[in-house]
C-alpha cells in the first residue's frame, strides 16, 4: 500500500481553496427532503451517499467546505502512485482495502467521530457497472450503530461535467438504530437489516429528487 501519512491541515486548506472552481463546473443544486434537513452538517456526523462517479467525493467535499469530512477511499486510489497516496492521506481520507479482511478502518472511523470529525461513506464501495449500482456494504451500519453521531443520507444524480448540473437530495438526520430496534438480534443480522433499510432510504431520496426535478 505504501507509506501512511498523517492528515495535514495546511495541505487540506490549500487543496480546498485551490479546488473551489470545482463547484463552478459541477454547479450543484441541493434539494432538502423536509424542514428537518439542515443545510449545515451536524458535528460530528456520517455522510452516506450513493456512488455514481469518482467526482462524488469532490462534490460533497467542496460543497461542505467548512466541515471536516474524512472520506473512506478504496485501496485502488491510494495505489495509483506515490503522490496520490500522499495527497489522500494528507487531506484525511481513510484507507479501505476491499480485497483484504482488514476492518481496521472501522476503528479509525469511530476514533474520528469521537474526536468530533465527520466521515463520508459510499457504502456501495464500487462504481456502478453498466449503470447498475452495487448493494450497500454492512460496514456503514456497524460504524453507525457504535456512535451517537447521526447519519446524513444524500443522493446525487451524478450529472457532472461542462454544460451539466449536478443535483443532490439531502435527507433528514437518522438514528439508524430506529431501522432495527431489536438489540437482542446478533450484530451481523442487525447490520444487514439496517444496511438494507438505509439503502432503501437513500434510493427513495433519488426518486424524490427525480420527482422534484420533473415538477421544475
N, C-alpha and C. Protein backbone atom coordinates (compact mmCIF):
# COMPACT_ATOMS: atom_id res chain seq x y z
N UNK A 1 0.81 -1.20 0.00
CA UNK A 1 0.00 0.00 0.00
C UNK A 1 0.85 1.25 0.00
N UNK A 2 2.00 1.18 0.60
CA UNK A 2 2.81 2.37 0.65
C UNK A 2 2.75 3.03 2.01
N UNK A 3 3.53 4.05 2.15
CA UNK A 3 3.64 4.72 3.43
C UNK A 3 2.38 5.48 3.79
N UNK A 4 2.00 5.45 5.06
CA UNK A 4 0.87 6.23 5.55
C UNK A 4 1.37 7.60 6.00
N UNK A 5 0.61 8.62 5.66
CA UNK A 5 0.93 9.98 6.08
C UNK A 5 -0.18 10.49 6.98
N UNK A 6 0.15 11.39 7.86
CA UNK A 6 -0.85 11.99 8.72
C UNK A 6 -1.59 13.09 7.98
N UNK A 7 -2.81 13.32 8.45
CA UNK A 7 -3.57 14.42 7.87
C UNK A 7 -2.84 15.73 8.15
N UNK A 8 -2.78 16.59 7.14
CA UNK A 8 -2.08 17.86 7.25
C UNK A 8 -3.07 18.99 6.99
N UNK A 9 -3.32 19.82 8.01
CA UNK A 9 -4.34 20.86 7.87
C UNK A 9 -3.96 21.92 6.85
N UNK A 10 -2.65 22.14 6.66
CA UNK A 10 -2.22 23.15 5.69
C UNK A 10 -2.46 22.65 4.26
N UNK A 11 -2.13 21.38 4.02
CA UNK A 11 -2.37 20.81 2.70
C UNK A 11 -3.87 20.73 2.44
N UNK A 12 -4.63 20.35 3.46
CA UNK A 12 -6.08 20.28 3.32
C UNK A 12 -6.66 21.64 2.95
N UNK A 13 -6.21 22.69 3.64
CA UNK A 13 -6.69 24.04 3.35
C UNK A 13 -6.32 24.48 1.95
N UNK A 14 -5.10 24.16 1.53
CA UNK A 14 -4.64 24.54 0.20
C UNK A 14 -5.47 23.86 -0.88
N UNK A 15 -5.72 22.55 -0.70
CA UNK A 15 -6.49 21.80 -1.68
C UNK A 15 -7.92 22.32 -1.76
N UNK A 16 -8.49 22.68 -0.62
CA UNK A 16 -9.86 23.18 -0.62
C UNK A 16 -9.95 24.53 -1.33
N UNK A 17 -9.01 25.41 -1.04
CA UNK A 17 -9.05 26.75 -1.66
C UNK A 17 -8.81 26.66 -3.16
N UNK A 18 -7.80 25.91 -3.55
CA UNK A 18 -7.47 25.83 -4.98
C UNK A 18 -8.50 25.00 -5.76
N UNK A 19 -9.26 24.20 -5.05
CA UNK A 19 -10.25 23.37 -5.74
C UNK A 19 -11.64 23.96 -5.80
N UNK A 20 -11.81 25.15 -5.25
CA UNK A 20 -13.14 25.77 -5.25
C UNK A 20 -13.76 25.91 -6.65
N UNK A 21 -12.96 26.16 -7.71
CA UNK A 21 -13.56 26.24 -9.05
C UNK A 21 -14.31 24.97 -9.46
N UNK A 22 -14.08 23.87 -8.72
CA UNK A 22 -14.81 22.63 -8.99
C UNK A 22 -16.31 22.88 -8.92
N UNK A 23 -16.74 23.71 -7.96
CA UNK A 23 -18.16 24.00 -7.81
C UNK A 23 -18.72 24.75 -9.02
N UNK A 24 -17.88 25.54 -9.68
CA UNK A 24 -18.32 26.26 -10.87
C UNK A 24 -18.57 25.31 -12.02
N UNK A 25 -17.83 24.19 -12.03
CA UNK A 25 -18.01 23.18 -13.08
C UNK A 25 -19.22 22.30 -12.78
N UNK A 26 -19.32 21.86 -11.53
CA UNK A 26 -20.41 20.96 -11.16
C UNK A 26 -21.74 21.68 -11.02
N UNK A 27 -21.69 22.95 -10.58
CA UNK A 27 -22.88 23.78 -10.37
C UNK A 27 -23.96 23.01 -9.60
N UNK A 28 -23.61 22.43 -8.47
CA UNK A 28 -24.58 21.56 -7.78
C UNK A 28 -25.79 22.33 -7.26
N UNK A 29 -26.95 21.71 -7.39
CA UNK A 29 -28.17 22.24 -6.80
C UNK A 29 -28.64 21.25 -5.75
N UNK A 30 -28.74 21.72 -4.53
CA UNK A 30 -29.12 20.85 -3.42
C UNK A 30 -30.60 21.03 -3.08
N UNK A 31 -31.29 19.92 -2.96
CA UNK A 31 -32.68 19.89 -2.51
C UNK A 31 -32.71 19.26 -1.12
N UNK A 32 -33.76 19.60 -0.34
CA UNK A 32 -33.86 19.07 1.01
C UNK A 32 -35.22 18.41 1.19
N UNK A 33 -35.19 17.20 1.73
CA UNK A 33 -36.40 16.38 1.82
C UNK A 33 -37.50 17.08 2.61
N UNK A 34 -37.17 17.67 3.74
CA UNK A 34 -38.16 18.38 4.55
C UNK A 34 -37.47 19.39 5.46
N UNK A 35 -38.26 19.99 6.34
CA UNK A 35 -37.73 21.06 7.19
C UNK A 35 -36.76 20.55 8.25
N UNK A 36 -36.71 19.23 8.46
CA UNK A 36 -35.77 18.68 9.43
C UNK A 36 -34.35 18.61 8.89
N UNK A 37 -34.22 18.80 7.59
CA UNK A 37 -32.91 18.72 6.94
C UNK A 37 -32.18 20.05 7.06
N UNK A 38 -30.98 20.00 7.59
CA UNK A 38 -30.20 21.22 7.78
C UNK A 38 -29.24 21.42 6.62
N UNK A 39 -29.05 22.69 6.25
CA UNK A 39 -28.10 23.00 5.19
C UNK A 39 -26.66 22.91 5.71
N UNK A 40 -26.52 22.88 7.02
CA UNK A 40 -25.20 22.71 7.63
C UNK A 40 -25.13 21.33 8.27
N UNK A 41 -24.01 20.68 8.12
CA UNK A 41 -23.85 19.35 8.70
C UNK A 41 -23.68 19.44 10.21
N UNK A 42 -24.37 18.56 10.96
CA UNK A 42 -24.10 18.49 12.40
C UNK A 42 -22.70 17.94 12.62
N UNK A 43 -22.10 18.27 13.74
CA UNK A 43 -20.74 17.81 14.03
C UNK A 43 -20.74 16.98 15.30
N UNK A 44 -20.26 15.76 15.23
CA UNK A 44 -19.86 15.03 14.01
C UNK A 44 -21.07 14.37 13.37
N UNK A 45 -20.89 13.83 12.18
CA UNK A 45 -21.95 13.08 11.52
C UNK A 45 -21.33 12.09 10.55
N UNK A 46 -22.18 11.23 10.00
CA UNK A 46 -21.76 10.27 8.99
C UNK A 46 -22.53 10.59 7.71
N UNK A 47 -21.85 11.13 6.73
CA UNK A 47 -22.47 11.44 5.45
C UNK A 47 -22.48 10.15 4.62
N UNK A 48 -23.67 9.72 4.20
CA UNK A 48 -23.81 8.47 3.46
C UNK A 48 -24.46 8.76 2.11
N UNK A 49 -23.81 8.33 1.04
CA UNK A 49 -24.31 8.64 -0.29
C UNK A 49 -24.24 7.43 -1.22
N UNK A 50 -25.09 7.46 -2.24
CA UNK A 50 -24.92 6.53 -3.35
C UNK A 50 -23.63 6.89 -4.07
N UNK A 51 -23.19 6.02 -4.98
CA UNK A 51 -21.88 6.24 -5.61
C UNK A 51 -22.02 6.12 -7.12
N UNK A 52 -21.87 7.24 -7.81
CA UNK A 52 -22.03 7.29 -9.25
C UNK A 52 -20.70 7.43 -9.97
N UNK A 53 -19.82 8.26 -9.38
CA UNK A 53 -18.59 8.65 -10.06
C UNK A 53 -17.52 9.00 -9.03
N UNK A 54 -16.26 9.04 -9.49
CA UNK A 54 -15.17 9.49 -8.63
C UNK A 54 -15.35 10.96 -8.25
N UNK A 55 -16.22 11.65 -8.96
CA UNK A 55 -16.47 13.07 -8.68
C UNK A 55 -17.37 13.25 -7.46
N UNK A 56 -18.00 12.17 -7.00
CA UNK A 56 -18.91 12.28 -5.85
C UNK A 56 -18.22 12.90 -4.64
N UNK A 57 -17.01 12.42 -4.35
CA UNK A 57 -16.31 12.93 -3.17
C UNK A 57 -16.00 14.43 -3.28
N UNK A 58 -15.39 14.89 -4.39
CA UNK A 58 -15.16 16.34 -4.51
C UNK A 58 -16.45 17.17 -4.42
N UNK A 59 -17.54 16.61 -4.95
CA UNK A 59 -18.82 17.32 -4.88
C UNK A 59 -19.17 17.67 -3.44
N UNK A 60 -19.14 16.66 -2.56
CA UNK A 60 -19.51 16.90 -1.16
C UNK A 60 -18.41 17.64 -0.41
N UNK A 61 -17.18 17.32 -0.72
CA UNK A 61 -16.05 17.93 -0.01
C UNK A 61 -16.05 19.44 -0.19
N UNK A 62 -16.31 19.88 -1.42
CA UNK A 62 -16.27 21.32 -1.68
C UNK A 62 -17.59 22.01 -1.33
N UNK A 63 -18.71 21.31 -1.43
CA UNK A 63 -19.97 21.93 -1.03
C UNK A 63 -19.97 22.20 0.48
N UNK A 64 -19.49 21.23 1.25
CA UNK A 64 -19.38 21.39 2.70
C UNK A 64 -17.95 21.77 3.06
N UNK A 65 -17.47 22.82 2.44
CA UNK A 65 -16.05 23.15 2.51
C UNK A 65 -15.58 23.51 3.92
N UNK A 66 -16.48 24.00 4.77
CA UNK A 66 -16.08 24.39 6.12
C UNK A 66 -16.23 23.25 7.12
N UNK A 67 -16.66 22.10 6.64
CA UNK A 67 -16.79 20.93 7.51
C UNK A 67 -15.61 20.00 7.32
N UNK A 68 -15.23 19.35 8.39
CA UNK A 68 -14.09 18.43 8.36
C UNK A 68 -14.62 17.03 8.08
N UNK A 69 -14.72 16.66 6.79
CA UNK A 69 -15.24 15.35 6.41
C UNK A 69 -14.09 14.47 5.96
N UNK A 70 -13.95 13.32 6.59
CA UNK A 70 -12.91 12.37 6.21
C UNK A 70 -13.56 11.21 5.48
N UNK A 71 -13.32 11.15 4.19
CA UNK A 71 -13.96 10.16 3.34
C UNK A 71 -13.22 8.83 3.34
N UNK A 72 -14.00 7.75 3.30
CA UNK A 72 -13.42 6.43 3.11
C UNK A 72 -13.11 6.26 1.63
N UNK A 73 -11.87 5.89 1.33
CA UNK A 73 -11.42 5.77 -0.06
C UNK A 73 -10.79 4.39 -0.26
N UNK A 74 -11.10 3.77 -1.38
CA UNK A 74 -10.63 2.42 -1.66
C UNK A 74 -9.14 2.38 -1.98
N UNK A 75 -8.57 1.20 -1.79
CA UNK A 75 -7.13 0.99 -1.97
C UNK A 75 -6.65 1.33 -3.38
N UNK A 76 -7.53 1.16 -4.36
CA UNK A 76 -7.11 1.39 -5.75
C UNK A 76 -6.67 2.83 -5.97
N UNK A 77 -7.30 3.77 -5.25
CA UNK A 77 -6.93 5.17 -5.40
C UNK A 77 -5.60 5.46 -4.70
N UNK A 78 -5.39 4.86 -3.53
CA UNK A 78 -4.13 5.06 -2.81
C UNK A 78 -2.96 4.44 -3.56
N UNK A 79 -3.24 3.39 -4.32
CA UNK A 79 -2.17 2.67 -5.00
C UNK A 79 -1.84 3.21 -6.39
N UNK A 80 -2.51 4.26 -6.82
CA UNK A 80 -2.25 4.80 -8.15
C UNK A 80 -0.80 5.25 -8.32
N UNK A 81 -0.32 6.04 -7.36
CA UNK A 81 1.07 6.49 -7.38
C UNK A 81 1.40 7.10 -6.02
N UNK A 82 2.67 7.40 -5.80
CA UNK A 82 3.12 7.91 -4.50
C UNK A 82 2.49 9.25 -4.18
N UNK A 83 2.33 10.10 -5.19
CA UNK A 83 1.75 11.42 -4.93
C UNK A 83 0.29 11.30 -4.50
N UNK A 84 -0.48 10.46 -5.18
CA UNK A 84 -1.88 10.28 -4.82
C UNK A 84 -2.01 9.71 -3.42
N UNK A 85 -1.15 8.77 -3.09
CA UNK A 85 -1.13 8.17 -1.75
C UNK A 85 -0.88 9.25 -0.69
N UNK A 86 0.11 10.11 -0.96
CA UNK A 86 0.44 11.20 -0.04
C UNK A 86 -0.72 12.18 0.08
N UNK A 87 -1.32 12.54 -1.06
CA UNK A 87 -2.37 13.55 -1.07
C UNK A 87 -3.61 13.07 -0.33
N UNK A 88 -4.03 11.83 -0.59
CA UNK A 88 -5.25 11.33 0.05
C UNK A 88 -5.10 11.23 1.56
N UNK A 89 -3.95 10.74 2.01
CA UNK A 89 -3.73 10.69 3.46
C UNK A 89 -3.63 12.09 4.05
N UNK A 90 -3.02 13.00 3.31
CA UNK A 90 -2.80 14.36 3.82
C UNK A 90 -4.09 15.14 4.00
N UNK A 91 -5.09 14.84 3.17
CA UNK A 91 -6.38 15.54 3.32
C UNK A 91 -7.33 14.76 4.22
N UNK A 92 -6.84 13.69 4.81
CA UNK A 92 -7.62 12.99 5.84
C UNK A 92 -8.44 11.82 5.38
N UNK A 93 -8.24 11.35 4.15
CA UNK A 93 -9.01 10.20 3.67
C UNK A 93 -8.62 8.94 4.45
N UNK A 94 -9.58 8.07 4.63
CA UNK A 94 -9.37 6.83 5.38
C UNK A 94 -9.25 5.67 4.41
N UNK A 95 -8.13 4.96 4.49
CA UNK A 95 -7.83 3.86 3.56
C UNK A 95 -8.68 2.63 3.86
N UNK A 96 -9.31 2.11 2.81
CA UNK A 96 -10.10 0.88 2.92
C UNK A 96 -9.61 -0.10 1.87
N UNK A 97 -9.15 -1.26 2.31
CA UNK A 97 -8.70 -2.29 1.37
C UNK A 97 -9.84 -3.29 1.19
N UNK A 98 -10.48 -3.23 0.03
CA UNK A 98 -11.66 -4.06 -0.23
C UNK A 98 -11.32 -5.52 -0.48
N UNK A 99 -10.07 -5.80 -0.77
CA UNK A 99 -9.67 -7.15 -1.13
C UNK A 99 -9.07 -7.93 0.03
N UNK A 100 -8.97 -7.30 1.18
CA UNK A 100 -8.42 -7.97 2.36
C UNK A 100 -9.43 -7.89 3.50
N UNK A 101 -9.36 -8.84 4.38
CA UNK A 101 -10.26 -8.84 5.53
C UNK A 101 -9.65 -8.00 6.65
N UNK A 102 -9.43 -6.74 6.33
CA UNK A 102 -8.86 -5.80 7.29
C UNK A 102 -9.91 -4.74 7.59
N UNK A 103 -10.46 -4.82 8.79
CA UNK A 103 -11.53 -3.92 9.16
C UNK A 103 -11.06 -2.83 10.14
N UNK A 104 -9.77 -2.54 10.10
CA UNK A 104 -9.22 -1.52 10.98
C UNK A 104 -9.81 -0.14 10.67
N UNK A 105 -10.31 0.04 9.45
CA UNK A 105 -10.89 1.33 9.08
C UNK A 105 -12.12 1.65 9.94
N UNK A 106 -12.80 0.61 10.42
CA UNK A 106 -13.98 0.84 11.27
C UNK A 106 -13.57 1.51 12.57
N UNK A 107 -12.50 1.01 13.19
CA UNK A 107 -12.00 1.64 14.40
C UNK A 107 -11.50 3.04 14.14
N UNK A 108 -10.87 3.26 12.98
CA UNK A 108 -10.38 4.59 12.64
C UNK A 108 -11.54 5.56 12.47
N UNK A 109 -12.63 5.09 11.87
CA UNK A 109 -13.82 5.93 11.70
C UNK A 109 -14.41 6.32 13.06
N UNK A 110 -14.50 5.35 13.95
CA UNK A 110 -15.06 5.62 15.28
C UNK A 110 -14.17 6.59 16.06
N UNK A 111 -12.86 6.46 15.90
CA UNK A 111 -11.95 7.39 16.55
C UNK A 111 -12.17 8.82 16.02
N UNK A 112 -12.35 8.94 14.71
CA UNK A 112 -12.59 10.25 14.11
C UNK A 112 -13.87 10.87 14.66
N UNK A 113 -14.92 10.08 14.73
CA UNK A 113 -16.19 10.57 15.24
C UNK A 113 -16.08 10.98 16.70
N UNK A 114 -15.32 10.22 17.49
CA UNK A 114 -15.11 10.56 18.90
C UNK A 114 -14.39 11.89 19.04
N UNK A 115 -13.54 12.22 18.06
CA UNK A 115 -12.80 13.49 18.10
C UNK A 115 -13.62 14.65 17.53
N UNK A 116 -14.85 14.38 17.11
CA UNK A 116 -15.70 15.43 16.57
C UNK A 116 -15.57 15.63 15.08
N UNK A 117 -14.84 14.73 14.41
CA UNK A 117 -14.71 14.81 12.95
C UNK A 117 -15.82 14.00 12.30
N UNK A 118 -16.27 14.47 11.15
CA UNK A 118 -17.29 13.74 10.40
C UNK A 118 -16.62 12.82 9.38
N UNK A 119 -17.34 11.79 8.99
CA UNK A 119 -16.81 10.88 7.97
C UNK A 119 -17.81 10.79 6.81
N UNK A 120 -17.29 10.48 5.64
CA UNK A 120 -18.12 10.32 4.46
C UNK A 120 -17.97 8.91 3.92
N UNK A 121 -19.08 8.24 3.65
CA UNK A 121 -19.06 6.85 3.21
C UNK A 121 -19.91 6.66 1.96
N UNK A 122 -19.35 5.93 1.02
CA UNK A 122 -20.11 5.45 -0.14
C UNK A 122 -20.26 3.94 0.05
N UNK A 123 -21.35 3.51 0.68
CA UNK A 123 -21.45 2.09 1.07
C UNK A 123 -21.46 1.10 -0.08
N UNK A 124 -21.73 1.57 -1.31
CA UNK A 124 -21.68 0.66 -2.46
C UNK A 124 -20.26 0.18 -2.71
N UNK A 125 -19.29 0.96 -2.26
CA UNK A 125 -17.88 0.60 -2.30
C UNK A 125 -17.27 0.67 -3.69
N UNK A 126 -18.04 0.35 -4.72
CA UNK A 126 -17.54 0.36 -6.09
C UNK A 126 -18.48 1.15 -6.99
N UNK A 127 -17.95 1.61 -8.11
CA UNK A 127 -18.77 2.34 -9.07
C UNK A 127 -19.70 1.38 -9.81
N UNK A 128 -20.83 1.88 -10.28
CA UNK A 128 -21.78 1.02 -11.00
C UNK A 128 -21.15 0.37 -12.23
N UNK A 129 -21.63 -0.80 -12.57
CA UNK A 129 -21.20 -1.48 -13.79
C UNK A 129 -22.41 -1.53 -14.73
N UNK A 130 -22.26 -0.96 -15.93
CA UNK A 130 -23.36 -0.89 -16.89
C UNK A 130 -24.59 -0.21 -16.28
N UNK A 131 -24.31 0.79 -15.43
CA UNK A 131 -25.39 1.56 -14.84
C UNK A 131 -26.05 0.92 -13.64
N UNK A 132 -25.59 -0.27 -13.26
CA UNK A 132 -26.19 -0.99 -12.13
C UNK A 132 -25.32 -0.81 -10.89
N UNK A 133 -25.86 -0.16 -9.84
CA UNK A 133 -25.05 0.06 -8.63
C UNK A 133 -24.87 -1.22 -7.82
N UNK A 134 -23.79 -1.28 -7.07
CA UNK A 134 -23.57 -2.38 -6.16
C UNK A 134 -24.38 -2.16 -4.88
N UNK A 135 -24.79 -3.21 -4.21
CA UNK A 135 -25.54 -3.05 -2.95
C UNK A 135 -24.66 -2.47 -1.85
N UNK A 136 -25.29 -1.85 -0.88
CA UNK A 136 -24.56 -1.27 0.25
C UNK A 136 -23.88 -2.37 1.05
N UNK A 137 -22.68 -2.05 1.53
CA UNK A 137 -21.93 -2.95 2.42
C UNK A 137 -22.36 -2.70 3.87
N UNK A 138 -22.37 -3.73 4.73
CA UNK A 138 -22.84 -3.58 6.11
C UNK A 138 -21.91 -2.79 7.01
N UNK A 139 -20.69 -2.49 6.57
CA UNK A 139 -19.77 -1.75 7.44
C UNK A 139 -20.33 -0.40 7.85
N UNK A 140 -21.15 0.21 6.98
CA UNK A 140 -21.73 1.51 7.33
C UNK A 140 -22.65 1.37 8.54
N UNK A 141 -23.39 0.26 8.61
CA UNK A 141 -24.29 0.04 9.75
C UNK A 141 -23.50 -0.25 11.02
N UNK A 142 -22.41 -1.01 10.89
CA UNK A 142 -21.59 -1.32 12.06
C UNK A 142 -21.02 -0.04 12.65
N UNK A 143 -20.53 0.86 11.80
CA UNK A 143 -20.00 2.13 12.27
C UNK A 143 -21.09 2.97 12.92
N UNK A 144 -22.23 3.07 12.23
CA UNK A 144 -23.31 3.96 12.69
C UNK A 144 -23.94 3.51 13.99
N UNK A 145 -23.95 2.19 14.25
CA UNK A 145 -24.58 1.71 15.48
C UNK A 145 -23.64 1.76 16.68
N UNK A 146 -22.38 2.14 16.45
CA UNK A 146 -21.43 2.23 17.55
C UNK A 146 -21.04 3.67 17.85
N UNK A 147 -21.89 4.60 17.45
CA UNK A 147 -21.63 6.01 17.72
C UNK A 147 -22.95 6.73 17.89
N UNK A 148 -22.92 7.87 18.57
CA UNK A 148 -24.12 8.69 18.70
C UNK A 148 -24.27 9.68 17.55
N UNK A 149 -23.28 9.71 16.66
CA UNK A 149 -23.32 10.65 15.55
C UNK A 149 -24.45 10.29 14.58
N UNK A 150 -25.23 11.26 14.13
CA UNK A 150 -26.32 10.96 13.20
C UNK A 150 -25.81 10.64 11.80
N UNK A 151 -26.60 9.90 11.06
CA UNK A 151 -26.31 9.64 9.65
C UNK A 151 -27.05 10.68 8.81
N UNK A 152 -26.32 11.32 7.90
CA UNK A 152 -26.93 12.26 6.97
C UNK A 152 -26.97 11.59 5.60
N UNK A 153 -28.16 11.11 5.17
CA UNK A 153 -28.25 10.42 3.88
C UNK A 153 -28.37 11.43 2.74
N UNK A 154 -27.66 11.19 1.66
CA UNK A 154 -27.73 12.08 0.50
C UNK A 154 -27.73 11.23 -0.77
N UNK A 155 -28.28 11.82 -1.83
CA UNK A 155 -28.32 11.14 -3.12
C UNK A 155 -27.91 12.13 -4.20
N UNK A 156 -26.98 11.73 -5.05
CA UNK A 156 -26.59 12.57 -6.18
C UNK A 156 -26.98 11.89 -7.48
N UNK A 157 -27.40 12.69 -8.47
CA UNK A 157 -27.76 12.11 -9.77
C UNK A 157 -26.54 11.91 -10.66
N UNK A 158 -25.36 12.40 -10.21
CA UNK A 158 -24.14 12.18 -10.97
C UNK A 158 -24.08 12.89 -12.30
N UNK A 159 -24.84 13.97 -12.43
CA UNK A 159 -24.86 14.71 -13.70
C UNK A 159 -23.71 15.72 -13.72
N UNK A 160 -22.49 15.20 -13.87
CA UNK A 160 -21.29 16.01 -13.78
C UNK A 160 -20.75 16.37 -15.16
N UNK A 161 -20.08 17.49 -15.24
CA UNK A 161 -19.41 17.86 -16.47
C UNK A 161 -19.77 19.26 -16.93
N UNK A 162 -19.05 19.74 -17.94
CA UNK A 162 -19.33 21.04 -18.52
C UNK A 162 -20.72 21.02 -19.15
N UNK A 163 -21.41 22.14 -19.01
CA UNK A 163 -22.76 22.30 -19.57
C UNK A 163 -23.76 21.33 -18.94
N UNK A 164 -23.41 20.81 -17.76
CA UNK A 164 -24.32 19.96 -17.00
C UNK A 164 -24.46 20.54 -15.59
N UNK A 165 -25.37 19.95 -14.82
CA UNK A 165 -25.52 20.40 -13.45
C UNK A 165 -25.85 19.22 -12.55
N UNK A 166 -25.09 19.10 -11.48
CA UNK A 166 -25.33 18.03 -10.52
C UNK A 166 -26.49 18.40 -9.60
N UNK A 167 -27.30 17.41 -9.27
CA UNK A 167 -28.43 17.61 -8.37
C UNK A 167 -28.31 16.64 -7.21
N UNK A 168 -28.59 17.14 -6.01
CA UNK A 168 -28.42 16.33 -4.80
C UNK A 168 -29.65 16.49 -3.91
N UNK A 169 -30.14 15.37 -3.39
CA UNK A 169 -31.22 15.40 -2.41
C UNK A 169 -30.66 15.02 -1.04
N UNK A 170 -30.92 15.85 -0.05
CA UNK A 170 -30.44 15.63 1.31
C UNK A 170 -31.60 15.18 2.19
N UNK A 171 -31.42 14.08 2.89
CA UNK A 171 -32.45 13.58 3.79
C UNK A 171 -32.27 14.11 5.20
N UNK A 172 -33.18 13.75 6.07
CA UNK A 172 -33.10 14.21 7.45
C UNK A 172 -32.11 13.36 8.24
N UNK A 173 -31.54 13.91 9.30
CA UNK A 173 -30.60 13.14 10.12
C UNK A 173 -31.26 11.89 10.67
N UNK A 174 -30.54 10.77 10.60
CA UNK A 174 -31.10 9.49 11.01
C UNK A 174 -30.34 8.89 12.18
N UNK A 175 -31.09 8.23 13.05
CA UNK A 175 -30.50 7.30 14.02
C UNK A 175 -30.81 5.91 13.46
N UNK A 176 -29.82 5.26 12.88
CA UNK A 176 -30.08 4.01 12.16
C UNK A 176 -30.59 2.89 13.07
N UNK A 177 -30.42 3.05 14.38
CA UNK A 177 -30.96 2.03 15.29
C UNK A 177 -32.48 1.96 15.18
N UNK A 178 -33.11 3.05 14.71
CA UNK A 178 -34.56 3.04 14.54
C UNK A 178 -34.98 2.07 13.44
N UNK A 179 -34.07 1.73 12.54
CA UNK A 179 -34.39 0.77 11.49
C UNK A 179 -34.50 -0.65 12.02
N UNK A 180 -33.89 -0.90 13.17
CA UNK A 180 -33.95 -2.23 13.77
C UNK A 180 -33.79 -2.07 15.29
N UNK A 181 -34.87 -1.76 15.99
CA UNK A 181 -34.80 -1.52 17.44
C UNK A 181 -34.46 -2.75 18.27
N UNK A 182 -34.64 -3.94 17.71
CA UNK A 182 -34.42 -5.18 18.46
C UNK A 182 -32.92 -5.42 18.66
N UNK A 183 -32.42 -5.01 19.81
CA UNK A 183 -30.99 -5.15 20.10
C UNK A 183 -30.61 -6.55 20.54
N UNK A 184 -31.60 -7.44 20.65
CA UNK A 184 -31.28 -8.82 21.05
C UNK A 184 -30.82 -9.64 19.85
N UNK A 185 -31.01 -9.14 18.66
CA UNK A 185 -30.57 -9.85 17.47
C UNK A 185 -29.04 -9.86 17.39
N UNK A 186 -28.44 -10.87 16.77
CA UNK A 186 -26.99 -10.86 16.56
C UNK A 186 -26.58 -9.62 15.78
N UNK A 187 -25.40 -9.10 16.09
CA UNK A 187 -24.95 -7.86 15.46
C UNK A 187 -24.92 -7.95 13.94
N UNK A 188 -24.50 -9.10 13.43
CA UNK A 188 -24.43 -9.25 11.97
C UNK A 188 -25.81 -9.17 11.33
N UNK A 189 -26.80 -9.74 12.00
CA UNK A 189 -28.17 -9.71 11.47
C UNK A 189 -28.73 -8.29 11.52
N UNK A 190 -28.50 -7.61 12.64
CA UNK A 190 -28.96 -6.22 12.75
C UNK A 190 -28.29 -5.35 11.69
N UNK A 191 -27.00 -5.58 11.46
CA UNK A 191 -26.27 -4.79 10.47
C UNK A 191 -26.86 -4.99 9.08
N UNK A 192 -27.23 -6.21 8.75
CA UNK A 192 -27.82 -6.48 7.44
C UNK A 192 -29.16 -5.77 7.29
N UNK A 193 -29.97 -5.83 8.34
CA UNK A 193 -31.29 -5.18 8.29
C UNK A 193 -31.14 -3.67 8.16
N UNK A 194 -30.28 -3.10 8.98
CA UNK A 194 -30.08 -1.65 8.96
C UNK A 194 -29.51 -1.20 7.62
N UNK A 195 -28.56 -1.96 7.10
CA UNK A 195 -27.96 -1.61 5.81
C UNK A 195 -29.00 -1.61 4.71
N UNK A 196 -29.86 -2.63 4.71
CA UNK A 196 -30.91 -2.73 3.70
C UNK A 196 -31.87 -1.54 3.78
N UNK A 197 -32.28 -1.19 5.00
CA UNK A 197 -33.22 -0.08 5.17
C UNK A 197 -32.57 1.26 4.81
N UNK A 198 -31.30 1.41 5.14
CA UNK A 198 -30.59 2.64 4.80
C UNK A 198 -30.46 2.78 3.29
N UNK A 199 -30.17 1.67 2.61
CA UNK A 199 -30.06 1.69 1.15
C UNK A 199 -31.41 2.09 0.53
N UNK A 200 -32.50 1.54 1.06
CA UNK A 200 -33.82 1.91 0.56
C UNK A 200 -34.08 3.40 0.76
N UNK A 201 -33.67 3.91 1.91
CA UNK A 201 -33.89 5.33 2.21
C UNK A 201 -33.15 6.21 1.20
N UNK A 202 -31.89 5.88 0.95
CA UNK A 202 -31.10 6.68 0.00
C UNK A 202 -31.69 6.58 -1.40
N UNK A 203 -32.11 5.40 -1.81
CA UNK A 203 -32.72 5.24 -3.13
C UNK A 203 -34.03 6.02 -3.24
N UNK A 204 -34.78 6.07 -2.14
CA UNK A 204 -36.02 6.85 -2.14
C UNK A 204 -35.73 8.34 -2.28
N UNK A 205 -34.59 8.77 -1.74
CA UNK A 205 -34.19 10.17 -1.95
C UNK A 205 -33.98 10.42 -3.44
N UNK A 206 -33.44 9.43 -4.14
CA UNK A 206 -33.24 9.56 -5.58
C UNK A 206 -34.56 9.69 -6.31
N UNK A 207 -35.57 8.91 -5.89
CA UNK A 207 -36.89 9.01 -6.51
C UNK A 207 -37.53 10.36 -6.24
N UNK A 208 -37.36 10.85 -5.02
CA UNK A 208 -37.90 12.18 -4.67
C UNK A 208 -37.19 13.26 -5.47
N UNK A 209 -35.90 13.11 -5.68
CA UNK A 209 -35.14 14.07 -6.47
C UNK A 209 -35.68 14.12 -7.90
N UNK A 210 -35.91 12.96 -8.50
CA UNK A 210 -36.45 12.92 -9.86
C UNK A 210 -37.82 13.58 -9.93
N UNK A 211 -38.64 13.33 -8.93
CA UNK A 211 -39.99 13.91 -8.91
C UNK A 211 -39.93 15.43 -8.86
N UNK A 212 -39.07 15.96 -8.03
CA UNK A 212 -38.98 17.42 -7.89
C UNK A 212 -38.39 18.06 -9.15
N UNK A 213 -37.44 17.38 -9.76
CA UNK A 213 -36.85 17.92 -10.99
C UNK A 213 -37.86 17.91 -12.12
N UNK A 214 -38.72 16.89 -12.17
CA UNK A 214 -39.75 16.82 -13.21
C UNK A 214 -40.79 17.92 -13.01
N UNK A 215 -41.07 18.24 -11.74
CA UNK A 215 -42.01 19.34 -11.46
C UNK A 215 -41.43 20.68 -11.89
N UNK A 216 -40.08 20.79 -11.71
CA UNK A 216 -39.41 22.05 -12.07
C UNK A 216 -39.29 22.25 -13.56
